N, C-alpha and C. Protein backbone atom coordinates (compact mmCIF):
# COMPACT_ATOMS: atom_id res chain seq x y z
N MET A 1 -35.02 78.43 12.77
CA MET A 1 -34.75 77.00 12.74
C MET A 1 -34.49 76.56 11.30
N ALA A 2 -33.46 75.75 11.15
CA ALA A 2 -33.14 75.16 9.85
C ALA A 2 -32.59 73.76 10.11
N PHE A 3 -33.16 72.81 9.45
CA PHE A 3 -32.74 71.41 9.61
C PHE A 3 -32.86 70.95 11.07
N GLY A 4 -33.85 71.47 11.76
CA GLY A 4 -34.11 71.06 13.14
C GLY A 4 -33.20 71.67 14.18
N LYS A 5 -32.34 72.62 13.79
CA LYS A 5 -31.43 73.27 14.74
C LYS A 5 -31.56 74.78 14.60
N PRO A 6 -31.22 75.51 15.66
CA PRO A 6 -31.19 76.97 15.53
C PRO A 6 -30.20 77.39 14.44
N LEU A 7 -30.53 78.43 13.73
CA LEU A 7 -29.70 78.90 12.62
C LEU A 7 -28.27 79.21 13.07
N ALA A 8 -28.12 79.80 14.26
CA ALA A 8 -26.80 80.17 14.75
C ALA A 8 -25.91 78.97 15.02
N SER A 9 -26.48 77.80 15.19
CA SER A 9 -25.65 76.62 15.46
C SER A 9 -25.13 75.97 14.19
N GLN A 10 -25.55 76.43 13.03
CA GLN A 10 -25.06 75.89 11.77
C GLN A 10 -23.65 76.41 11.52
N SER A 11 -22.72 75.52 11.25
CA SER A 11 -21.31 75.93 11.10
C SER A 11 -21.11 76.86 9.91
N SER A 12 -21.87 76.68 8.83
CA SER A 12 -21.70 77.55 7.67
C SER A 12 -22.14 78.97 7.99
N ILE A 13 -23.17 79.12 8.78
CA ILE A 13 -23.63 80.46 9.20
C ILE A 13 -22.59 81.10 10.10
N GLN A 14 -22.03 80.33 11.01
CA GLN A 14 -21.00 80.86 11.89
C GLN A 14 -19.78 81.32 11.09
N GLN A 15 -19.41 80.56 10.07
CA GLN A 15 -18.27 80.93 9.23
C GLN A 15 -18.56 82.21 8.46
N ASP A 16 -19.77 82.35 7.93
CA ASP A 16 -20.14 83.57 7.21
C ASP A 16 -20.11 84.79 8.13
N ILE A 17 -20.59 84.61 9.36
CA ILE A 17 -20.57 85.72 10.33
C ILE A 17 -19.14 86.09 10.67
N ALA A 18 -18.28 85.10 10.87
CA ALA A 18 -16.87 85.36 11.19
C ALA A 18 -16.18 86.07 10.04
N ASP A 19 -16.42 85.62 8.80
CA ASP A 19 -15.81 86.26 7.63
C ASP A 19 -16.27 87.71 7.51
N SER A 20 -17.54 87.95 7.75
CA SER A 20 -18.08 89.32 7.67
C SER A 20 -17.45 90.21 8.73
N ARG A 21 -17.30 89.68 9.93
CA ARG A 21 -16.70 90.45 11.02
C ARG A 21 -15.25 90.82 10.70
N ILE A 22 -14.51 89.88 10.12
CA ILE A 22 -13.12 90.14 9.73
C ILE A 22 -13.05 91.23 8.66
N ALA A 23 -13.93 91.14 7.66
CA ALA A 23 -13.94 92.14 6.58
C ALA A 23 -14.29 93.52 7.12
N ILE A 24 -15.25 93.59 8.02
CA ILE A 24 -15.64 94.88 8.60
C ILE A 24 -14.50 95.47 9.41
N GLU A 25 -13.85 94.66 10.23
CA GLU A 25 -12.75 95.14 11.05
C GLU A 25 -11.57 95.58 10.18
N GLN A 26 -11.28 94.83 9.13
CA GLN A 26 -10.20 95.19 8.21
C GLN A 26 -10.50 96.53 7.55
N SER A 27 -11.71 96.72 7.12
CA SER A 27 -12.11 97.97 6.47
C SER A 27 -12.00 99.14 7.44
N ARG A 28 -12.45 98.92 8.66
CA ARG A 28 -12.39 99.98 9.67
C ARG A 28 -10.94 100.38 9.93
N LEU A 29 -10.06 99.40 10.05
CA LEU A 29 -8.66 99.70 10.31
C LEU A 29 -7.99 100.40 9.13
N LEU A 30 -8.36 100.05 7.90
CA LEU A 30 -7.80 100.74 6.73
C LEU A 30 -8.21 102.21 6.71
N VAL A 31 -9.45 102.48 7.06
CA VAL A 31 -9.91 103.87 7.10
C VAL A 31 -9.18 104.64 8.19
N LEU A 32 -9.02 104.03 9.36
CA LEU A 32 -8.29 104.69 10.45
C LEU A 32 -6.83 104.93 10.07
N LYS A 33 -6.21 103.97 9.39
CA LYS A 33 -4.82 104.13 8.95
C LYS A 33 -4.70 105.28 7.95
N ALA A 34 -5.64 105.34 7.02
CA ALA A 34 -5.62 106.42 6.03
C ALA A 34 -5.79 107.77 6.71
N ALA A 35 -6.70 107.86 7.66
CA ALA A 35 -6.91 109.12 8.38
C ALA A 35 -5.66 109.51 9.16
N HIS A 36 -5.02 108.53 9.79
CA HIS A 36 -3.80 108.81 10.54
C HIS A 36 -2.69 109.32 9.63
N MET A 37 -2.53 108.68 8.46
CA MET A 37 -1.51 109.13 7.51
C MET A 37 -1.78 110.56 7.05
N MET A 38 -3.04 110.86 6.79
CA MET A 38 -3.39 112.22 6.36
C MET A 38 -3.10 113.23 7.45
N ASP A 39 -3.32 112.84 8.70
CA ASP A 39 -3.05 113.74 9.82
C ASP A 39 -1.57 113.93 10.07
N THR A 40 -0.77 112.89 9.86
CA THR A 40 0.64 112.97 10.23
C THR A 40 1.55 113.47 9.11
N VAL A 41 1.29 113.06 7.86
CA VAL A 41 2.20 113.46 6.78
C VAL A 41 1.55 114.42 5.79
N GLY A 42 0.30 114.71 5.99
CA GLY A 42 -0.39 115.65 5.10
C GLY A 42 -1.14 114.96 3.99
N ASN A 43 -2.14 115.65 3.49
CA ASN A 43 -3.02 115.06 2.49
C ASN A 43 -2.33 114.80 1.15
N LYS A 44 -1.44 115.71 0.74
CA LYS A 44 -0.80 115.55 -0.58
C LYS A 44 0.13 114.34 -0.59
N VAL A 45 0.87 114.14 0.47
CA VAL A 45 1.81 113.02 0.53
C VAL A 45 1.06 111.69 0.69
N ALA A 46 0.00 111.70 1.47
CA ALA A 46 -0.70 110.46 1.81
C ALA A 46 -1.92 110.20 0.94
N THR A 47 -2.01 110.80 -0.21
CA THR A 47 -3.21 110.67 -1.02
C THR A 47 -3.33 109.34 -1.73
N LEU A 48 -2.31 108.88 -2.40
CA LEU A 48 -2.42 107.71 -3.26
C LEU A 48 -2.64 106.41 -2.48
N LYS A 49 -1.80 106.12 -1.51
CA LYS A 49 -1.90 104.85 -0.80
C LYS A 49 -3.24 104.69 -0.08
N PRO A 50 -3.69 105.66 0.73
CA PRO A 50 -5.00 105.50 1.37
C PRO A 50 -6.13 105.41 0.35
N ALA A 51 -6.00 106.15 -0.74
CA ALA A 51 -7.06 106.11 -1.75
C ALA A 51 -7.17 104.71 -2.35
N LEU A 52 -6.04 104.08 -2.61
CA LEU A 52 -6.06 102.73 -3.16
C LEU A 52 -6.62 101.74 -2.15
N GLU A 53 -6.28 101.90 -0.88
CA GLU A 53 -6.79 101.00 0.15
C GLU A 53 -8.29 101.17 0.33
N ILE A 54 -8.74 102.41 0.38
CA ILE A 54 -10.17 102.66 0.58
C ILE A 54 -10.96 102.24 -0.65
N PHE A 55 -10.36 102.35 -1.83
CA PHE A 55 -11.03 101.93 -3.05
C PHE A 55 -11.39 100.45 -3.00
N ASN A 56 -10.58 99.65 -2.33
CA ASN A 56 -10.82 98.22 -2.25
C ASN A 56 -11.82 97.83 -1.16
N LEU A 57 -12.26 98.76 -0.34
CA LEU A 57 -13.18 98.43 0.75
C LEU A 57 -14.49 97.79 0.30
N PRO A 58 -15.19 98.35 -0.69
CA PRO A 58 -16.46 97.72 -1.05
C PRO A 58 -16.31 96.26 -1.47
N ASP A 59 -15.22 95.94 -2.15
CA ASP A 59 -14.99 94.56 -2.57
C ASP A 59 -14.71 93.67 -1.35
N SER A 60 -13.95 94.19 -0.39
CA SER A 60 -13.58 93.38 0.77
C SER A 60 -14.78 93.10 1.67
N ILE A 61 -15.79 93.96 1.63
CA ILE A 61 -16.97 93.70 2.46
C ILE A 61 -18.13 93.17 1.63
N GLY A 62 -17.84 92.82 0.36
CA GLY A 62 -18.84 92.15 -0.46
C GLY A 62 -19.89 93.05 -1.08
N LEU A 63 -19.58 94.32 -1.29
CA LEU A 63 -20.56 95.22 -1.88
C LEU A 63 -20.49 95.28 -3.40
N LEU A 64 -19.45 94.71 -3.99
CA LEU A 64 -19.33 94.70 -5.45
C LEU A 64 -19.67 93.35 -6.02
């Protein structure tokens, strides 16, 4: 309870949860895309782009 209402009913909490869900889903899809590229075109060809995308994951999910 916060301010006399359940925490989940606070719009700011709902927005934070939605933002977190979007960041998690985006990160998951980037990892899957990188894995797919490595499987289809090979590790040497697909090294730089997936590496750059995965490098940005901690920032996108708020770990930095």
